[in-house]
C-alpha atoms as a PDB file:
ATOM      1  CA  MET A   1     -48.074  75.260 -12.806  1.00  0.00           C
ATOM      2  CA  THR A   2     -48.493  75.923  -9.344  1.00  0.00           C
ATOM      3  CA  ARG A   3     -45.780  74.586  -7.107  1.00  0.00           C
ATOM      4  CA  ASN A   4     -48.652  71.971  -5.551  1.00  0.00           C
ATOM      5  CA  GLN A   5     -50.414  70.833  -8.693  1.00  0.00           C
ATOM      6  CA  LYS A   6     -49.516  67.374 -10.307  1.00  0.00           C
ATOM      7  CA  PRO A   7     -47.997  67.147 -13.429  1.00  0.00           C
ATOM      8  CA  ARG A   8     -50.468  65.254 -15.811  1.00  0.00           C
ATOM      9  CA  HIS A   9     -49.562  62.487 -17.310  1.00  0.00           C
ATOM     10  CA  LYS A  10     -50.611  61.325 -20.624  1.00  0.00           C
ATOM     11  CA  LYS A  11     -52.045  57.384 -19.677  1.00  0.00           C
ATOM     12  CA  ILE A  12     -51.522  54.644 -22.445  1.00  0.00           C
ATOM     13  CA  ASP A  13     -53.366  52.367 -22.350  1.00  0.00           C
ATOM     14  CA  LEU A  14     -50.928  48.695 -22.245  1.00  0.00           C
ATOM     15  CA  MET A  15     -53.108  46.375 -23.950  1.00  0.00           C
ATOM     16  CA  THR A  16     -53.393  47.633 -26.960  1.00  0.00           C
ATOM     17  CA  THR A  17     -49.859  49.491 -27.463  1.00  0.00           C
ATOM     18  CA  LYS A  18     -46.722  47.291 -30.183  1.00  0.00           C
ATOM     19  CA  PRO A  19     -44.079  46.287 -28.688  1.00  0.00           C
ATOM     20  CA  ARG A  20     -41.495  47.855 -30.075  1.00  0.00           C
ATOM     21  CA  LEU A  21     -38.092  47.313 -31.658  1.00  0.00           C
ATOM     22  CA  ASN A  22     -35.326  50.157 -30.184  1.00  0.00           C
ATOM     23  CA  ILE A  23     -32.468  50.495 -32.338  1.00  0.00           C
ATOM     24  CA  CYS A  24     -29.761  52.629 -30.959  1.00  0.00           C
ATOM     25  CA  ILE A  25     -28.583  55.501 -33.727  1.00  0.00           C
ATOM     26  CA  THR A  26     -25.444  55.965 -31.571  1.00  0.00           C
ATOM     27  CA  CYS A  27     -23.134  52.332 -32.175  1.00  0.00           C
ATOM     28  CA  THR A  28     -20.920  52.113 -34.978  1.00  0.00           C
ATOM     29  CA  ALA A  29     -20.136  48.881 -36.160  1.00  0.00           C
ATOM     30  CA  SER A  30     -17.996  46.314 -34.410  1.00  0.00           C
ATOM     31  CA  ASN A  31     -15.580  45.456 -37.269  1.00  0.00           C
ATOM     32  CA  ALA A  32     -15.427  48.872 -38.019  1.00  0.00           C
ATOM     33  CA  ASP A  33     -11.980  49.695 -37.978  1.00  0.00           C
ATOM     34  CA  ALA A  34     -13.494  53.908 -36.769  1.00  0.00           C
ATOM     35  CA  GLN A  35     -16.638  55.387 -36.695  1.00  0.00           C
ATOM     36  CA  THR A  36     -19.253  56.425 -38.911  1.00  0.00           C
ATOM     37  CA  ASP A  37     -20.898  59.533 -39.956  1.00  0.00           C
ATOM     38  CA  PRO A  38     -23.784  58.194 -40.052  1.00  0.00           C
ATOM     39  CA  ARG A  39     -23.565  56.129 -37.680  1.00  0.00           C
ATOM     40  CA  HIS A  40     -24.003  52.096 -37.912  1.00  0.00           C
ATOM     41  CA  GLY A  41     -26.287  52.094 -36.237  1.00  0.00           C
ATOM     42  CA  LYS A  42     -28.239  55.025 -37.558  1.00  0.00           C
ATOM     43  CA  MET A  43     -28.357  53.499 -41.306  1.00  0.00           C
ATOM     44  CA  LEU A  44     -28.802  50.789 -39.596  1.00  0.00           C
ATOM     45  CA  PHE A  45     -32.296  52.779 -38.310  1.00  0.00           C
ATOM     46  CA  ASP A  46     -32.603  54.186 -41.779  1.00  0.00           C
ATOM     47  CA  ARG A  47     -33.221  51.060 -43.045  1.00  0.00           C
ATOM     48  CA  MET A  48     -35.356  49.792 -41.194  1.00  0.00           C
ATOM     49  CA  VAL A  49     -38.134  52.978 -41.070  1.00  0.00           C
ATOM     50  CA  GLU A  50     -37.598  51.878 -45.089  1.00  0.00           C
ATOM     51  CA  LEU A  51     -38.047  48.311 -44.238  1.00  0.00           C
ATOM     52  CA  CYS A  52     -41.613  48.649 -41.944  1.00  0.00           C
ATOM     53  CA  ALA A  53     -42.973  51.744 -44.530  1.00  0.00           C
ATOM     54  CA  GLU A  54     -43.655  48.800 -46.926  1.00  0.00           C
ATOM     55  CA  ARG A  55     -44.949  46.831 -45.057  1.00  0.00           C
ATOM     56  CA  ASP A  56     -47.517  46.510 -41.886  1.00  0.00           C
ATOM     57  CA  LEU A  57     -45.429  45.184 -38.989  1.00  0.00           C
ATOM     58  CA  PRO A  58     -46.962  44.535 -35.414  1.00  0.00           C
ATOM     59  CA  PHE A  59     -44.130  46.680 -33.456  1.00  0.00           C
ATOM     60  CA  ASP A  60     -43.262  49.741 -33.584  1.00  0.00           C
ATOM     61  CA  LEU A  61     -39.941  51.281 -34.376  1.00  0.00           C
ATOM     62  CA  ARG A  62     -38.164  53.561 -32.182  1.00  0.00           C
ATOM     63  CA  PRO A  63     -34.073  55.475 -32.584  1.00  0.00           C
ATOM     64  CA  ALA A  64     -32.932  55.044 -28.864  1.00  0.00           C
ATOM     65  CA  GLU A  65     -29.305  57.116 -28.510  1.00  0.00           C
ATOM     66  CA  CYS A  66     -27.246  54.925 -27.942  1.00  0.00           C
ATOM     67  CA  LEU A  67     -28.021  51.104 -25.528  1.00  0.00           C
ATOM     68  CA  THR A  68     -25.328  51.439 -23.674  1.00  0.00           C
ATOM     69  CA  ASN A  69     -24.234  48.030 -25.396  1.00  0.00           C
ATOM     70  CA  CYS A  70     -20.784  49.573 -27.032  1.00  0.00           C
ATOM     71  CA  LYS A  71     -18.270  46.285 -27.483  1.00  0.00           C
ATOM     72  CA  SER A  72     -21.165  44.800 -29.118  1.00  0.00           C
ATOM     73  CA  GLY A  73     -21.517  46.568 -32.053  1.00  0.00           C
ATOM     74  CA  CYS A  74     -25.073  47.774 -33.454  1.00  0.00           C
ATOM     75  CA  SER A  75     -27.454  46.938 -30.670  1.00  0.00           C
ATOM     76  CA  VAL A  76     -31.272  46.631 -30.552  1.00  0.00           C
ATOM     77  CA  ALA A  77     -33.656  46.393 -27.942  1.00  0.00           C
ATOM     78  CA  LEU A  78     -37.772  44.611 -27.844  1.00  0.00           C
ATOM     79  CA  ASN A  79     -39.807  45.394 -25.549  1.00  0.00           C
ATOM     80  CA  GLY A  80     -43.540  44.941 -24.824  1.00  0.00           C
ATOM     81  CA  SER A  81     -45.677  44.562 -21.922  1.00  0.00           C
ATOM     82  CA  GLY A  82     -45.961  42.291 -20.266  1.00  0.00           C
ATOM     83  CA  LYS A  83     -43.290  40.021 -22.494  1.00  0.00           C
ATOM     84  CA  TRP A  84     -39.577  39.170 -21.857  1.00  0.00           C
ATOM     85  CA  GLY A  85     -36.966  42.029 -23.169  1.00  0.00           C
ATOM     86  CA  TYR A  86     -34.022  41.633 -25.161  1.00  0.00           C
ATOM     87  CA  VAL A  87     -31.201  43.249 -25.900  1.00  0.00           C
ATOM     88  CA  TYR A  88     -29.548  41.918 -28.674  1.00  0.00           C
ATOM     89  CA  GLY A  89     -25.548  42.857 -30.064  1.00  0.00           C
ATOM     90  CA  ASN A  90     -23.629  42.690 -33.868  1.00  0.00           C
ATOM     91  CA  VAL A  91     -26.372  43.356 -35.903  1.00  0.00           C
ATOM     92  CA  ASP A  92     -25.167  44.257 -39.220  1.00  0.00           C
ATOM     93  CA  PRO A  93     -27.364  47.132 -41.231  1.00  0.00           C
ATOM     94  CA  GLU A  94     -26.499  45.620 -44.182  1.00  0.00           C
ATOM     95  CA  THR A  95     -27.192  41.825 -44.626  1.00  0.00           C
ATOM     96  CA  MET A  96     -29.289  41.418 -41.041  1.00  0.00           C
ATOM     97  CA  ILE A  97     -32.551  43.566 -42.516  1.00  0.00           C
ATOM     98  CA  ASP A  98     -35.012  40.928 -43.697  1.00  0.00           C
ATOM     99  CA  ASP A  99     -33.696  38.731 -40.529  1.00  0.00           C
ATOM    100  CA  LEU A 100     -34.559  41.620 -38.245  1.00  0.00           C
ATOM    101  CA  CYS A 101     -37.762  42.508 -39.155  1.00  0.00           C
ATOM    102  CA  ASP A 102     -38.607  38.387 -39.485  1.00  0.00           C
ATOM    103  CA  LEU A 103     -37.194  38.799 -35.684  1.00  0.00           C
ATOM    104  CA  ALA A 104     -39.389  41.583 -34.303  1.00  0.00           C
ATOM    105  CA  THR A 105     -42.215  40.531 -35.817  1.00  0.00           C
ATOM    106  CA  ARG A 106     -42.048  36.953 -33.688  1.00  0.00           C
ATOM    107  CA  TYR A 107     -41.176  38.565 -30.571  1.00  0.00           C
ATOM    108  CA  ALA A 108     -44.562  41.360 -31.448  1.00  0.00           C
ATOM    109  CA  ASP A 109     -46.753  37.773 -32.267  1.00  0.00           C
ATOM    110  CA  SER A 110     -45.558  35.743 -29.760  1.00  0.00           C
ATOM    111  CA  ASP A 111     -47.578  36.320 -25.922  1.00  0.00           C
ATOM    112  CA  ASP A 112     -43.923  36.282 -23.679  1.00  0.00           C
ATOM    113  CA  GLY A 113     -42.119  37.822 -25.886  1.00  0.00           C
ATOM    114  CA  ILE A 114     -39.618  34.556 -26.099  1.00  0.00           C
ATOM    115  CA  VAL A 115     -39.520  33.199 -29.366  1.00  0.00           C
ATOM    116  CA  ALA A 116     -38.072  29.939 -29.477  1.00  0.00           C
ATOM    117  CA  TRP A 117     -34.367  29.602 -30.210  1.00  0.00           C
ATOM    118  CA  ARG A 118     -34.681  27.497 -33.840  1.00  0.00           C
ATOM    119  CA  GLU A 119     -37.744  29.548 -34.533  1.00  0.00           C
ATOM    120  CA  ARG A 120     -34.979  32.977 -35.196  1.00  0.00           C
ATOM    121  CA  PRO A 121     -33.291  33.982 -37.506  1.00  0.00           C
ATOM    122  CA  GLU A 122     -30.504  32.537 -37.992  1.00  0.00           C
ATOM    123  CA  THR A 123     -27.204  35.440 -38.185  1.00  0.00           C
ATOM    124  CA  LEU A 124     -29.277  36.246 -34.838  1.00  0.00           C
ATOM    125  CA  ARG A 125     -29.192  33.046 -33.225  1.00  0.00           C
ATOM    126  CA  ARG A 126     -26.091  33.617 -30.636  1.00  0.00           C
ATOM    127  CA  ASN A 127     -26.204  38.144 -30.879  1.00  0.00           C
ATOM    128  CA  VAL A 128     -28.600  38.156 -27.557  1.00  0.00           C
ATOM    129  CA  ILE A 129     -27.076  40.060 -24.758  1.00  0.00           C
ATOM    130  CA  ALA A 130     -29.413  40.041 -21.973  1.00  0.00           C
ATOM    131  CA  ARG A 131     -32.986  38.617 -21.046  1.00  0.00           C
ATOM    132  CA  ILE A 132     -34.422  40.986 -19.194  1.00  0.00           C
ATOM    133  CA  PRO A 133     -38.076  40.313 -17.131  1.00  0.00           C
ATOM    134  CA  PRO A 134     -40.551  41.959 -18.428  1.00  0.00           C
ATOM    135  CA  LEU A 135     -42.079  44.703 -15.480  1.00  0.00           C
ATOM    136  CA  ASP A 136     -45.808  43.489 -15.167  1.00  0.00           C
ATOM    137  CA  GLY A 137     -45.852  40.192 -14.571  1.00  0.00           C
ATOM    138  CA  ILE A 138     -43.664  36.358 -16.163  1.00  0.00           C
END
């Protein structure tokens, strides 16, 4: 690339991009006495990969190096085009896999990313850390 050339960026068609479930792979569970190897977040991600391989899901699964939510154990973030984003903490990699999949599916199926409190899996209802407005409109 010469000095005057602008870098070419791949265009992403946001209308066809699936919402994402981002899982922090560097998290340690909040109830852990010490860090594990692999980390609890990586175990959560690996279990979700196995689960997603068996199902046709309406969301993409992505690892995240750090969601900077370390005091709240295993953390995940949901985001999508035109949707409110959410960060959830204290996700148990042993017991919340199916509930997390259910929540991400409901999120993906929603128009604006908002899943009513009563429609969220009971294990995750009180785990919301943040709700983030969409970049491309509310």
